[in-house]
Amino acid sequence: MRVTKRDASRNAALLLVLVLLVSIPSYSQNQVLGEVQFVGKTKTDKTSGVWIDGQYVGYAGELKDDKKVLLLPGEHEISVRQSGYMDFTQKVVVEPGKKVVLHVTMRKDPRAQFPTVTSQLKLQVTPDRAAVFVDDGFVGTVREFSGIGRAMLVSPGKHRVKIALPGYQAFETEVNLLPKQKITIKTDLAPGSITEAGPSIKKD
């Protein structure tokens, strides 16, 4: 098939138009939405879970680049949580096309009690960015408790463990640990809907 210079020019022009048409919706969306950026200094700040208007969205350190938080203009309530620490809660006003930088500072909860004798809980779960709750309290993400040298230390006895992530069905189980016992929970979260999110993911 012979392609003339005129055909090549016409095809190039058509491709340019298509690229512009694809880019316009994305550009328009970025002009309407505002961004919230999370900045933390410590490991605790960066690994704490983030809830926006009562909805869990991920842990602070991952909410950037392709996972950056884009919100509709207006007031939003942001809560950052971590077991053993006081909730960091703040209301922000998001403006169209602008960025709000939120400096997260987690402070230890003086009421928190830590066991002197512990048991060990490891996780082998996908996706590894899923949130982990023990007895309804957020303790981190799967990746913090999986792999060599990583595990969760909990008090001996019964505990409710829940692993959840928006867009997946939550996994729940109960463990009964002996002192110094080590166990591993293995599972793959099944795809689901955000409407199936339980109270741990959706908090008032």
Protein backbone atom coordinates (compact mmCIF):
# COMPACT_ATOMS: atom_id res chain seq x y z
CA MET A 1 0.00 0.00 0.00
CA ARG A 2 1.42 3.36 -1.02
CA VAL A 3 1.26 6.23 1.47
CA THR A 4 1.64 9.69 -0.03
CA LYS A 5 3.08 12.72 1.70
CA ARG A 6 -0.40 14.24 1.83
CA ASP A 7 -1.79 11.11 3.53
CA ALA A 8 1.03 11.14 6.09
CA SER A 9 0.37 14.79 6.92
CA ARG A 10 -3.36 14.14 7.26
CA ASN A 11 -2.74 11.14 9.56
CA ALA A 12 -0.36 13.17 11.72
CA ALA A 13 -2.94 15.95 12.04
CA LEU A 14 -5.64 13.42 12.97
CA LEU A 15 -3.38 11.88 15.64
CA LEU A 16 -2.70 15.33 17.11
CA VAL A 17 -6.44 16.03 17.33
CA LEU A 18 -7.02 12.68 19.09
CA VAL A 19 -4.25 13.40 21.60
CA LEU A 20 -5.76 16.81 22.34
CA LEU A 21 -9.23 15.31 22.77
CA VAL A 22 -7.88 12.74 25.25
CA SER A 23 -5.94 15.39 27.15
CA ILE A 24 -8.79 17.90 27.50
CA PRO A 25 -10.96 15.88 29.96
CA SER A 26 -7.92 15.17 32.19
CA TYR A 27 -6.88 18.82 32.09
CA SER A 28 -10.43 19.97 32.85
CA GLN A 29 -10.71 17.54 35.76
CA ASN A 30 -7.48 18.84 37.29
CA GLN A 31 -8.83 22.39 37.06
CA VAL A 32 -12.01 21.42 38.95
CA LEU A 33 -10.49 19.23 41.67
CA GLY A 34 -8.08 20.24 44.41
CA GLU A 35 -5.21 18.16 45.80
CA VAL A 36 -4.35 17.27 49.39
CA GLN A 37 -0.72 16.34 49.99
CA PHE A 38 0.39 14.54 53.16
CA VAL A 39 3.81 15.24 54.67
CA GLY A 40 5.20 13.31 57.65
CA LYS A 41 8.64 13.22 59.23
CA THR A 42 8.58 9.95 61.17
CA LYS A 43 7.84 6.38 60.11
CA THR A 44 4.70 6.49 62.24
CA ASP A 45 3.51 9.65 60.48
CA LYS A 46 4.03 8.04 57.07
CA THR A 47 2.47 4.64 57.87
CA SER A 48 -0.65 5.93 59.64
CA GLY A 49 -4.02 5.38 57.97
CA VAL A 50 -5.93 8.25 56.39
CA TRP A 51 -9.71 8.70 56.45
CA ILE A 52 -11.34 11.50 54.43
CA ASP A 53 -14.94 12.35 55.28
CA GLY A 54 -15.15 9.01 57.08
CA GLN A 55 -13.74 6.94 54.20
CA TYR A 56 -10.39 5.12 54.41
CA VAL A 57 -8.22 6.05 51.41
CA GLY A 58 -4.80 4.56 52.24
CA TYR A 59 -1.77 5.25 54.41
CA ALA A 60 -0.21 8.71 54.43
CA GLY A 61 3.09 7.79 52.79
CA GLU A 62 1.51 6.26 49.66
CA LEU A 63 -0.90 9.09 48.85
CA LYS A 64 1.16 10.70 46.10
CA ASP A 65 1.89 10.41 42.37
CA ASP A 66 -0.72 8.03 40.86
CA LYS A 67 -2.36 7.67 44.29
CA LYS A 68 -2.48 11.38 45.10
CA VAL A 69 -5.67 12.62 46.73
CA LEU A 70 -7.91 14.75 44.49
CA LEU A 71 -11.08 16.13 46.09
CA LEU A 72 -14.05 18.22 45.07
CA PRO A 73 -13.85 21.85 46.21
CA GLY A 74 -15.20 22.56 49.69
CA GLU A 75 -14.57 21.56 53.30
CA HIS A 76 -13.36 18.06 54.08
CA GLU A 77 -12.55 16.36 57.38
CA ILE A 78 -9.30 14.39 57.42
CA SER A 79 -8.42 11.96 60.18
CA VAL A 80 -5.09 10.12 60.47
CA ARG A 81 -5.03 7.11 62.80
CA GLN A 82 -2.55 4.64 64.25
CA SER A 83 -2.90 2.18 67.11
CA GLY A 84 -1.22 3.51 70.26
CA TYR A 85 -1.40 7.10 69.02
CA MET A 86 -3.96 9.88 69.29
CA ASP A 87 -6.03 10.60 66.19
CA PHE A 88 -4.76 13.50 64.10
CA THR A 89 -7.92 15.20 62.83
CA GLN A 90 -8.17 18.40 60.84
CA LYS A 91 -10.67 20.14 58.57
CA VAL A 92 -9.34 21.57 55.32
CA VAL A 93 -10.90 23.73 52.62
CA VAL A 94 -10.04 22.54 49.11
CA GLU A 95 -9.96 25.07 46.27
CA PRO A 96 -10.24 24.15 42.54
CA GLY A 97 -6.84 23.49 40.95
CA LYS A 98 -4.94 24.20 44.18
CA LYS A 99 -2.95 22.05 46.60
CA VAL A 100 -3.34 21.81 50.38
CA VAL A 101 -0.24 20.52 52.20
CA LEU A 102 -1.09 18.75 55.44
CA HIS A 103 1.78 18.16 57.87
CA VAL A 104 0.95 15.00 59.82
CA THR A 105 2.25 14.78 63.37
CA MET A 106 1.25 11.69 65.34
CA ARG A 107 1.47 11.87 69.14
CA LYS A 108 1.54 8.85 71.45
CA ASP A 109 -1.64 8.17 73.37
CA PRO A 110 -0.79 8.32 77.10
CA ARG A 111 -3.67 5.90 77.77
CA ALA A 112 -2.22 3.20 75.50
CA GLN A 113 -1.03 0.05 77.24
CA PHE A 114 1.59 -2.30 75.81
CA PRO A 115 1.93 -5.95 76.91
CA THR A 116 5.11 -7.20 78.59
CA VAL A 117 4.55 -10.72 77.21
CA THR A 118 3.70 -10.90 73.51
CA SER A 119 2.74 -13.25 70.70
CA GLN A 120 3.75 -12.81 67.06
CA LEU A 121 1.45 -12.43 64.07
CA LYS A 122 2.74 -12.40 60.48
CA LEU A 123 0.76 -11.71 57.32
CA GLN A 124 0.98 -13.02 53.75
CA VAL A 125 -1.80 -11.10 52.06
CA THR A 126 -2.38 -9.42 48.70
CA PRO A 127 -2.73 -6.57 48.00
CA ASP A 128 -0.04 -5.73 50.53
CA ARG A 129 -1.23 -2.12 50.86
CA ALA A 130 -4.46 -3.28 52.52
CA ALA A 131 -5.25 -1.88 55.96
CA VAL A 132 -4.95 -4.12 59.03
CA PHE A 133 -7.24 -3.77 62.03
CA VAL A 134 -6.85 -5.63 65.32
CA ASP A 135 -9.81 -5.46 67.69
CA ASP A 136 -11.22 -2.62 65.52
CA GLY A 137 -8.06 -0.50 65.82
CA PHE A 138 -5.93 0.41 62.78
CA VAL A 139 -2.41 -0.99 63.27
CA GLY A 140 -0.84 -0.46 59.84
CA THR A 141 -0.74 -2.06 56.40
CA VAL A 142 -0.03 -5.64 55.37
CA ARG A 143 3.48 -4.87 54.09
CA GLU A 144 4.56 -3.77 57.58
CA PHE A 145 3.88 -7.27 58.92
CA SER A 146 5.06 -9.45 56.03
CA GLY A 147 8.46 -10.60 54.89
CA ILE A 148 11.67 -11.45 56.73
CA GLY A 149 12.03 -9.79 60.12
CA ARG A 150 8.57 -8.24 60.07
CA ALA A 151 5.72 -9.22 62.37
CA MET A 152 3.06 -7.77 64.62
CA LEU A 153 3.46 -8.13 68.38
CA VAL A 154 0.17 -8.56 70.24
CA SER A 155 -0.86 -9.65 73.71
CA PRO A 156 -1.67 -13.35 74.17
CA GLY A 157 -5.34 -14.31 73.98
CA LYS A 158 -8.20 -13.76 71.54
CA HIS A 159 -8.05 -11.02 68.91
CA ARG A 160 -10.23 -10.06 65.95
CA VAL A 161 -8.18 -9.42 62.81
CA LYS A 162 -9.62 -7.61 59.81
CA ILE A 163 -7.83 -6.85 56.53
CA ALA A 164 -9.58 -4.42 54.22
CA LEU A 165 -9.05 -2.14 51.23
CA PRO A 166 -11.56 -0.11 49.19
CA GLY A 167 -12.51 -2.08 46.08
CA TYR A 168 -11.97 -5.46 47.76
CA GLN A 169 -13.98 -7.72 50.04
CA ALA A 170 -12.74 -7.54 53.61
CA PHE A 171 -11.17 -10.60 55.23
CA GLU A 172 -11.96 -11.23 58.90
CA THR A 173 -10.79 -13.89 61.31
CA GLU A 174 -10.28 -14.50 65.00
CA VAL A 175 -7.06 -15.79 66.54
CA ASN A 176 -6.39 -17.18 70.01
CA LEU A 177 -2.69 -16.87 70.75
CA LEU A 178 -0.59 -18.47 73.45
CA PRO A 179 2.30 -16.51 75.02
CA LYS A 180 5.23 -16.24 72.56
CA GLN A 181 3.30 -18.17 69.91
CA LYS A 182 3.93 -17.29 66.25
CA ILE A 183 1.28 -17.66 63.55
CA THR A 184 0.87 -16.52 59.94
CA ILE A 185 -2.35 -15.43 58.24
CA LYS A 186 -2.43 -16.10 54.49
CA THR A 187 -5.10 -14.86 52.09
CA ASP A 188 -5.76 -12.96 48.86
CA LEU A 189 -8.46 -10.31 49.05
CA ALA A 190 -11.23 -10.87 46.51
CA PRO A 191 -12.31 -7.94 44.32
CA GLY A 192 -15.43 -6.21 45.58
CA SER A 193 -17.24 -2.89 45.72
CA ILE A 194 -16.70 0.19 47.88
CA THR A 195 -20.34 -0.22 48.93
CA GLU A 196 -19.30 -3.42 50.74
CA ALA A 197 -16.86 -1.54 52.97
CA GLY A 198 -17.46 -2.20 56.66
CA PRO A 199 -17.29 0.17 59.65
CA SER A 200 -13.49 -0.08 59.90
CA ILE A 201 -13.08 1.38 56.41
CA LYS A 202 -16.01 3.78 56.80
CA LYS A 203 -15.84 5.65 60.09
CA ASP A 204 -18.12 8.46 61.18
